[in-house]
Amino acid sequence: MSFLNPLTILFWLGIYGSILAKTAGISTGYEIILVSIAILMGIIFVDFIYAFYPVSLENYYLYSF
């Protein structure tokens, strides 16, 4: 599963860190928490799409013909 792949985790931590570093200089503590939650929810959402979407496409193509 893509969600548990160590390279994927390192990639998203790099994205998260760079966005958080840019935001930390111009935002309050509350805004940083909101941005952090939004980033983490987006990462989880994208990883679940990567993990489960190909399986559903495979099932669609196997049984549609």
PDB file of N, CA and C in Angstrom:
ATOM      1  N   MET A   1       0.844  -1.172   0.000  1.00  0.00           N
ATOM      2  CA  MET A   1       0.000   0.000   0.000  1.00  0.00           C
ATOM      3  C   MET A   1       0.894   1.240   0.000  1.00  0.00           C
ATOM      4  N   SER A   2       0.527   2.206  -0.779  1.00  0.00           N
ATOM      5  CA  SER A   2       1.310   3.427  -0.907  1.00  0.00           C
ATOM      6  C   SER A   2       1.400   4.200   0.401  1.00  0.00           C
ATOM      7  N   PHE A   3       0.390   4.096   1.205  1.00  0.00           N
ATOM      8  CA  PHE A   3       0.338   4.860   2.452  1.00  0.00           C
ATOM      9  C   PHE A   3       1.458   4.473   3.412  1.00  0.00           C
ATOM     10  N   LEU A   4       1.909   3.233   3.383  1.00  0.00           N
ATOM     11  CA  LEU A   4       2.929   2.759   4.309  1.00  0.00           C
ATOM     12  C   LEU A   4       4.334   2.708   3.703  1.00  0.00           C
ATOM     13  N   ASN A   5       4.486   3.133   2.473  1.00  0.00           N
ATOM     14  CA  ASN A   5       5.771   3.119   1.810  1.00  0.00           C
ATOM     15  C   ASN A   5       6.684   4.186   2.433  1.00  0.00           C
ATOM     16  N   PRO A   6       7.877   3.818   2.906  1.00  0.00           N
ATOM     17  CA  PRO A   6       8.768   4.799   3.544  1.00  0.00           C
ATOM     18  C   PRO A   6       9.170   5.952   2.627  1.00  0.00           C
ATOM     19  N   LEU A   7       9.352   5.687   1.338  1.00  0.00           N
ATOM     20  CA  LEU A   7       9.698   6.773   0.419  1.00  0.00           C
ATOM     21  C   LEU A   7       8.551   7.756   0.250  1.00  0.00           C
ATOM     22  N   THR A   8       7.333   7.263   0.257  1.00  0.00           N
ATOM     23  CA  THR A   8       6.175   8.139   0.182  1.00  0.00           C
ATOM     24  C   THR A   8       6.080   8.997   1.432  1.00  0.00           C
ATOM     25  N   ILE A   9       6.328   8.401   2.572  1.00  0.00           N
ATOM     26  CA  ILE A   9       6.285   9.150   3.828  1.00  0.00           C
ATOM     27  C   ILE A   9       7.344  10.249   3.824  1.00  0.00           C
ATOM     28  N   LEU A  10       8.559   9.940   3.379  1.00  0.00           N
ATOM     29  CA  LEU A  10       9.613  10.958   3.315  1.00  0.00           C
ATOM     30  C   LEU A  10       9.271  12.056   2.325  1.00  0.00           C
ATOM     31  N   PHE A  11       8.697  11.694   1.197  1.00  0.00           N
ATOM     32  CA  PHE A  11       8.297  12.696   0.212  1.00  0.00           C
ATOM     33  C   PHE A  11       7.282  13.663   0.803  1.00  0.00           C
ATOM     34  N   TRP A  12       6.232  13.127   1.424  1.00  0.00           N
ATOM     35  CA  TRP A  12       5.191  13.997   1.963  1.00  0.00           C
ATOM     36  C   TRP A  12       5.673  14.795   3.172  1.00  0.00           C
ATOM     37  N   LEU A  13       6.596  14.238   3.951  1.00  0.00           N
ATOM     38  CA  LEU A  13       7.171  15.023   5.049  1.00  0.00           C
ATOM     39  C   LEU A  13       7.978  16.204   4.513  1.00  0.00           C
ATOM     40  N   GLY A  14       8.644  16.018   3.395  1.00  0.00           N
ATOM     41  CA  GLY A  14       9.355  17.124   2.756  1.00  0.00           C
ATOM     42  C   GLY A  14       8.407  18.202   2.270  1.00  0.00           C
ATOM     43  N   ILE A  15       7.312  17.806   1.658  1.00  0.00           N
ATOM     44  CA  ILE A  15       6.299  18.757   1.203  1.00  0.00           C
ATOM     45  C   ILE A  15       5.699  19.491   2.407  1.00  0.00           C
ATOM     46  N   TYR A  16       5.333  18.725   3.419  1.00  0.00           N
ATOM     47  CA  TYR A  16       4.741  19.293   4.628  1.00  0.00           C
ATOM     48  C   TYR A  16       5.702  20.280   5.287  1.00  0.00           C
ATOM     49  N   GLY A  17       6.962  19.906   5.403  1.00  0.00           N
ATOM     50  CA  GLY A  17       7.945  20.776   6.047  1.00  0.00           C
ATOM     51  C   GLY A  17       8.167  22.068   5.293  1.00  0.00           C
ATOM     52  N   SER A  18       8.240  22.003   3.971  1.00  0.00           N
ATOM     53  CA  SER A  18       8.477  23.229   3.203  1.00  0.00           C
ATOM     54  C   SER A  18       7.285  24.176   3.264  1.00  0.00           C
ATOM     55  N   ILE A  19       6.085  23.637   3.197  1.00  0.00           N
ATOM     56  CA  ILE A  19       4.894  24.488   3.294  1.00  0.00           C
ATOM     57  C   ILE A  19       4.770  25.076   4.689  1.00  0.00           C
ATOM     58  N   LEU A  20       5.030  24.270   5.694  1.00  0.00           N
ATOM     59  CA  LEU A  20       4.934  24.756   7.066  1.00  0.00           C
ATOM     60  C   LEU A  20       5.995  25.814   7.358  1.00  0.00           C
ATOM     61  N   ALA A  21       7.186  25.666   6.804  1.00  0.00           N
ATOM     62  CA  ALA A  21       8.241  26.656   7.016  1.00  0.00           C
ATOM     63  C   ALA A  21       7.877  27.996   6.387  1.00  0.00           C
ATOM     64  N   LYS A  22       7.246  27.972   5.215  1.00  0.00           N
ATOM     65  CA  LYS A  22       6.817  29.214   4.574  1.00  0.00           C
ATOM     66  C   LYS A  22       5.682  29.868   5.363  1.00  0.00           C
ATOM     67  N   THR A  23       4.786  29.062   5.890  1.00  0.00           N
ATOM     68  CA  THR A  23       3.612  29.569   6.592  1.00  0.00           C
ATOM     69  C   THR A  23       3.957  30.082   7.986  1.00  0.00           C
ATOM     70  N   ALA A  24       4.941  29.500   8.631  1.00  0.00           N
ATOM     71  CA  ALA A  24       5.250  29.829  10.019  1.00  0.00           C
ATOM     72  C   ALA A  24       5.708  31.273  10.182  1.00  0.00           C
ATOM     73  N   GLY A  25       6.331  31.827   9.185  1.00  0.00           N
ATOM     74  CA  GLY A  25       6.831  33.191   9.298  1.00  0.00           C
ATOM     75  C   GLY A  25       5.767  34.255   9.238  1.00  0.00           C
ATOM     76  N   ILE A  26       4.622  33.959   8.644  1.00  0.00           N
ATOM     77  CA  ILE A  26       3.604  34.995   8.432  1.00  0.00           C
ATOM     78  C   ILE A  26       2.268  34.683   9.093  1.00  0.00           C
ATOM     79  N   SER A  27       2.178  33.613   9.853  1.00  0.00           N
ATOM     80  CA  SER A  27       0.894  33.191  10.416  1.00  0.00           C
ATOM     81  C   SER A  27       0.946  33.140  11.935  1.00  0.00           C
ATOM     82  N   THR A  28      -0.237  33.153  12.531  1.00  0.00           N
ATOM     83  CA  THR A  28      -0.349  32.969  13.975  1.00  0.00           C
ATOM     84  C   THR A  28      -0.348  31.486  14.306  1.00  0.00           C
ATOM     85  N   GLY A  29      -0.305  31.164  15.580  1.00  0.00           N
ATOM     86  CA  GLY A  29      -0.289  29.767  16.004  1.00  0.00           C
ATOM     87  C   GLY A  29      -1.530  29.010  15.580  1.00  0.00           C
ATOM     88  N   TYR A  30      -2.700  29.663  15.668  1.00  0.00           N
ATOM     89  CA  TYR A  30      -3.955  29.022  15.283  1.00  0.00           C
ATOM     90  C   TYR A  30      -3.971  28.710  13.790  1.00  0.00           C
ATOM     91  N   GLU A  31      -3.500  29.647  12.966  1.00  0.00           N
ATOM     92  CA  GLU A  31      -3.468  29.418  11.526  1.00  0.00           C
ATOM     93  C   GLU A  31      -2.497  28.305  11.151  1.00  0.00           C
ATOM     94  N   ILE A  32      -1.383  28.207  11.867  1.00  0.00           N
ATOM     95  CA  ILE A  32      -0.414  27.140  11.601  1.00  0.00           C
ATOM     96  C   ILE A  32      -1.029  25.782  11.899  1.00  0.00           C
ATOM     97  N   ILE A  33      -1.795  25.699  12.970  1.00  0.00           N
ATOM     98  CA  ILE A  33      -2.465  24.437  13.303  1.00  0.00           C
ATOM     99  C   ILE A  33      -3.479  24.079  12.225  1.00  0.00           C
ATOM    100  N   LEU A  34      -4.260  25.055  11.764  1.00  0.00           N
ATOM    101  CA  LEU A  34      -5.237  24.791  10.705  1.00  0.00           C
ATOM    102  C   LEU A  34      -4.564  24.360   9.405  1.00  0.00           C
ATOM    103  N   VAL A  35      -3.473  25.033   9.045  1.00  0.00           N
ATOM    104  CA  VAL A  35      -2.752  24.661   7.825  1.00  0.00           C
ATOM    105  C   VAL A  35      -2.160  23.267   7.971  1.00  0.00           C
ATOM    106  N   SER A  36      -1.623  22.944   9.138  1.00  0.00           N
ATOM    107  CA  SER A  36      -1.057  21.616   9.373  1.00  0.00           C
ATOM    108  C   SER A  36      -2.114  20.528   9.235  1.00  0.00           C
ATOM    109  N   ILE A  37      -3.275  20.752   9.813  1.00  0.00           N
ATOM    110  CA  ILE A  37      -4.355  19.775   9.709  1.00  0.00           C
ATOM    111  C   ILE A  37      -4.798  19.605   8.258  1.00  0.00           C
ATOM    112  N   ALA A  38      -4.917  20.723   7.538  1.00  0.00           N
ATOM    113  CA  ALA A  38      -5.336  20.650   6.134  1.00  0.00           C
ATOM    114  C   ALA A  38      -4.306  19.905   5.294  1.00  0.00           C
ATOM    115  N   ILE A  39      -3.026  20.156   5.530  1.00  0.00           N
ATOM    116  CA  ILE A  39      -1.976  19.474   4.775  1.00  0.00           C
ATOM    117  C   ILE A  39      -2.007  17.979   5.072  1.00  0.00           C
ATOM    118  N   LEU A  40      -2.081  17.614   6.330  1.00  0.00           N
ATOM    119  CA  LEU A  40      -2.084  16.192   6.698  1.00  0.00           C
ATOM    120  C   LEU A  40      -3.316  15.471   6.162  1.00  0.00           C
ATOM    121  N   MET A  41      -4.476  16.117   6.206  1.00  0.00           N
ATOM    122  CA  MET A  41      -5.682  15.496   5.646  1.00  0.00           C
ATOM    123  C   MET A  41      -5.548  15.322   4.124  1.00  0.00           C
ATOM    124  N   GLY A  42      -4.956  16.296   3.449  1.00  0.00           N
ATOM    125  CA  GLY A  42      -4.724  16.173   2.012  1.00  0.00           C
ATOM    126  C   GLY A  42      -3.765  15.046   1.677  1.00  0.00           C
ATOM    127  N   ILE A  43      -2.708  14.909   2.481  1.00  0.00           N
ATOM    128  CA  ILE A  43      -1.748  13.827   2.266  1.00  0.00           C
ATOM    129  C   ILE A  43      -2.421  12.473   2.442  1.00  0.00           C
ATOM    130  N   ILE A  44      -3.210  12.332   3.485  1.00  0.00           N
ATOM    131  CA  ILE A  44      -3.912  11.069   3.727  1.00  0.00           C
ATOM    132  C   ILE A  44      -4.878  10.770   2.585  1.00  0.00           C
ATOM    133  N   PHE A  45      -5.597  11.779   2.131  1.00  0.00           N
ATOM    134  CA  PHE A  45      -6.550  11.614   1.036  1.00  0.00           C
ATOM    135  C   PHE A  45      -5.846  11.150  -0.239  1.00  0.00           C
ATOM    136  N   VAL A  46      -4.759  11.811  -0.606  1.00  0.00           N
ATOM    137  CA  VAL A  46      -4.029  11.452  -1.828  1.00  0.00           C
ATOM    138  C   VAL A  46      -3.442  10.054  -1.714  1.00  0.00           C
ATOM    139  N   ASP A  47      -2.897   9.713  -0.557  1.00  0.00           N
ATOM    140  CA  ASP A  47      -2.313   8.375  -0.399  1.00  0.00           C
ATOM    141  C   ASP A  47      -3.363   7.277  -0.485  1.00  0.00           C
ATOM    142  N   PHE A  48      -4.548   7.508   0.045  1.00  0.00           N
ATOM    143  CA  PHE A  48      -5.603   6.510  -0.079  1.00  0.00           C
ATOM    144  C   PHE A  48      -6.076   6.379  -1.520  1.00  0.00           C
ATOM    145  N   ILE A  49      -6.101   7.472  -2.256  1.00  0.00           N
ATOM    146  CA  ILE A  49      -6.445   7.385  -3.678  1.00  0.00           C
ATOM    147  C   ILE A  49      -5.395   6.555  -4.410  1.00  0.00           C
ATOM    148  N   TYR A  50      -4.106   6.829  -4.147  1.00  0.00           N
ATOM    149  CA  TYR A  50      -3.039   6.051  -4.781  1.00  0.00           C
ATOM    150  C   TYR A  50      -3.115   4.577  -4.400  1.00  0.00           C
ATOM    151  N   ALA A  51      -3.530   4.290  -3.186  1.00  0.00           N
ATOM    152  CA  ALA A  51      -3.539   2.910  -2.720  1.00  0.00           C
ATOM    153  C   ALA A  51      -4.726   2.110  -3.249  1.00  0.00           C
ATOM    154  N   PHE A  52      -5.898   2.722  -3.378  1.00  0.00           N
ATOM    155  CA  PHE A  52      -7.105   1.961  -3.690  1.00  0.00           C
ATOM    156  C   PHE A  52      -7.664   2.191  -5.083  1.00  0.00           C
ATOM    157  N   TYR A  53      -7.338   3.273  -5.736  1.00  0.00           N
ATOM    158  CA  TYR A  53      -7.903   3.553  -7.050  1.00  0.00           C
ATOM    159  C   TYR A  53      -7.471   2.540  -8.108  1.00  0.00           C
ATOM    160  N   PRO A  54      -6.196   2.154  -8.186  1.00  0.00           N
ATOM    161  CA  PRO A  54      -5.822   1.140  -9.199  1.00  0.00           C
ATOM    162  C   PRO A  54      -6.545  -0.192  -9.026  1.00  0.00           C
ATOM    163  N   VAL A  55      -6.847  -0.570  -7.804  1.00  0.00           N
ATOM    164  CA  VAL A  55      -7.559  -1.831  -7.578  1.00  0.00           C
ATOM    165  C   VAL A  55      -8.964  -1.743  -8.150  1.00  0.00           C
ATOM    166  N   SER A  56      -9.621  -0.615  -7.966  1.00  0.00           N
ATOM    167  CA  SER A  56     -10.976  -0.488  -8.494  1.00  0.00           C
ATOM    168  C   SER A  56     -10.966  -0.437 -10.020  1.00  0.00           C
ATOM    169  N   LEU A  57      -9.943   0.176 -10.612  1.00  0.00           N
ATOM    170  CA  LEU A  57      -9.846   0.180 -12.072  1.00  0.00           C
ATOM    171  C   LEU A  57      -9.592  -1.219 -12.612  1.00  0.00           C
ATOM    172  N   GLU A  58      -8.771  -1.978 -11.920  1.00  0.00           N
ATOM    173  CA  GLU A  58      -8.491  -3.344 -12.350  1.00  0.00           C
ATOM    174  C   GLU A  58      -9.765  -4.178 -12.324  1.00  0.00           C
ATOM    175  N   ASN A  59     -10.548  -4.050 -11.272  1.00  0.00           N
ATOM    176  CA  ASN A  59     -11.798  -4.790 -11.193  1.00  0.00           C
ATOM    177  C   ASN A  59     -12.770  -4.351 -12.273  1.00  0.00           C
ATOM    178  N   TYR A  60     -12.782  -3.066 -12.600  1.00  0.00           N
ATOM    179  CA  TYR A  60     -13.669  -2.566 -13.642  1.00  0.00           C
ATOM    180  C   TYR A  60     -13.304  -3.178 -15.002  1.00  0.00           C
ATOM    181  N   TYR A  61     -12.020  -3.190 -15.308  1.00  0.00           N
ATOM    182  CA  TYR A  61     -11.615  -3.729 -16.601  1.00  0.00           C
ATOM    183  C   TYR A  61     -11.739  -5.243 -16.680  1.00  0.00           C
ATOM    184  N   LEU A  62     -11.597  -5.931 -15.573  1.00  0.00           N
ATOM    185  CA  LEU A  62     -11.729  -7.390 -15.589  1.00  0.00           C
ATOM    186  C   LEU A  62     -13.168  -7.826 -15.859  1.00  0.00           C
ATOM    187  N   TYR A  63     -14.129  -7.121 -15.295  1.00  0.00           N
ATOM    188  CA  TYR A  63     -15.523  -7.568 -15.359  1.00  0.00           C
ATOM    189  C   TYR A  63     -16.374  -6.786 -16.360  1.00  0.00           C
ATOM    190  N   SER A  64     -15.811  -5.808 -17.052  1.00  0.00           N
ATOM    191  CA  SER A  64     -16.636  -5.034 -17.972  1.00  0.00           C
ATOM    192  C   SER A  64     -16.696  -5.640 -19.367  1.00  0.00           C
ATOM    193  N   PHE A  65     -15.794  -6.561 -19.686  1.00  0.00           N
ATOM    194  CA  PHE A  65     -15.773  -7.120 -21.041  1.00  0.00           C
ATOM    195  C   PHE A  65     -16.258  -8.533 -21.075  1.00  0.00           C
TER     196      PHE A  65
END
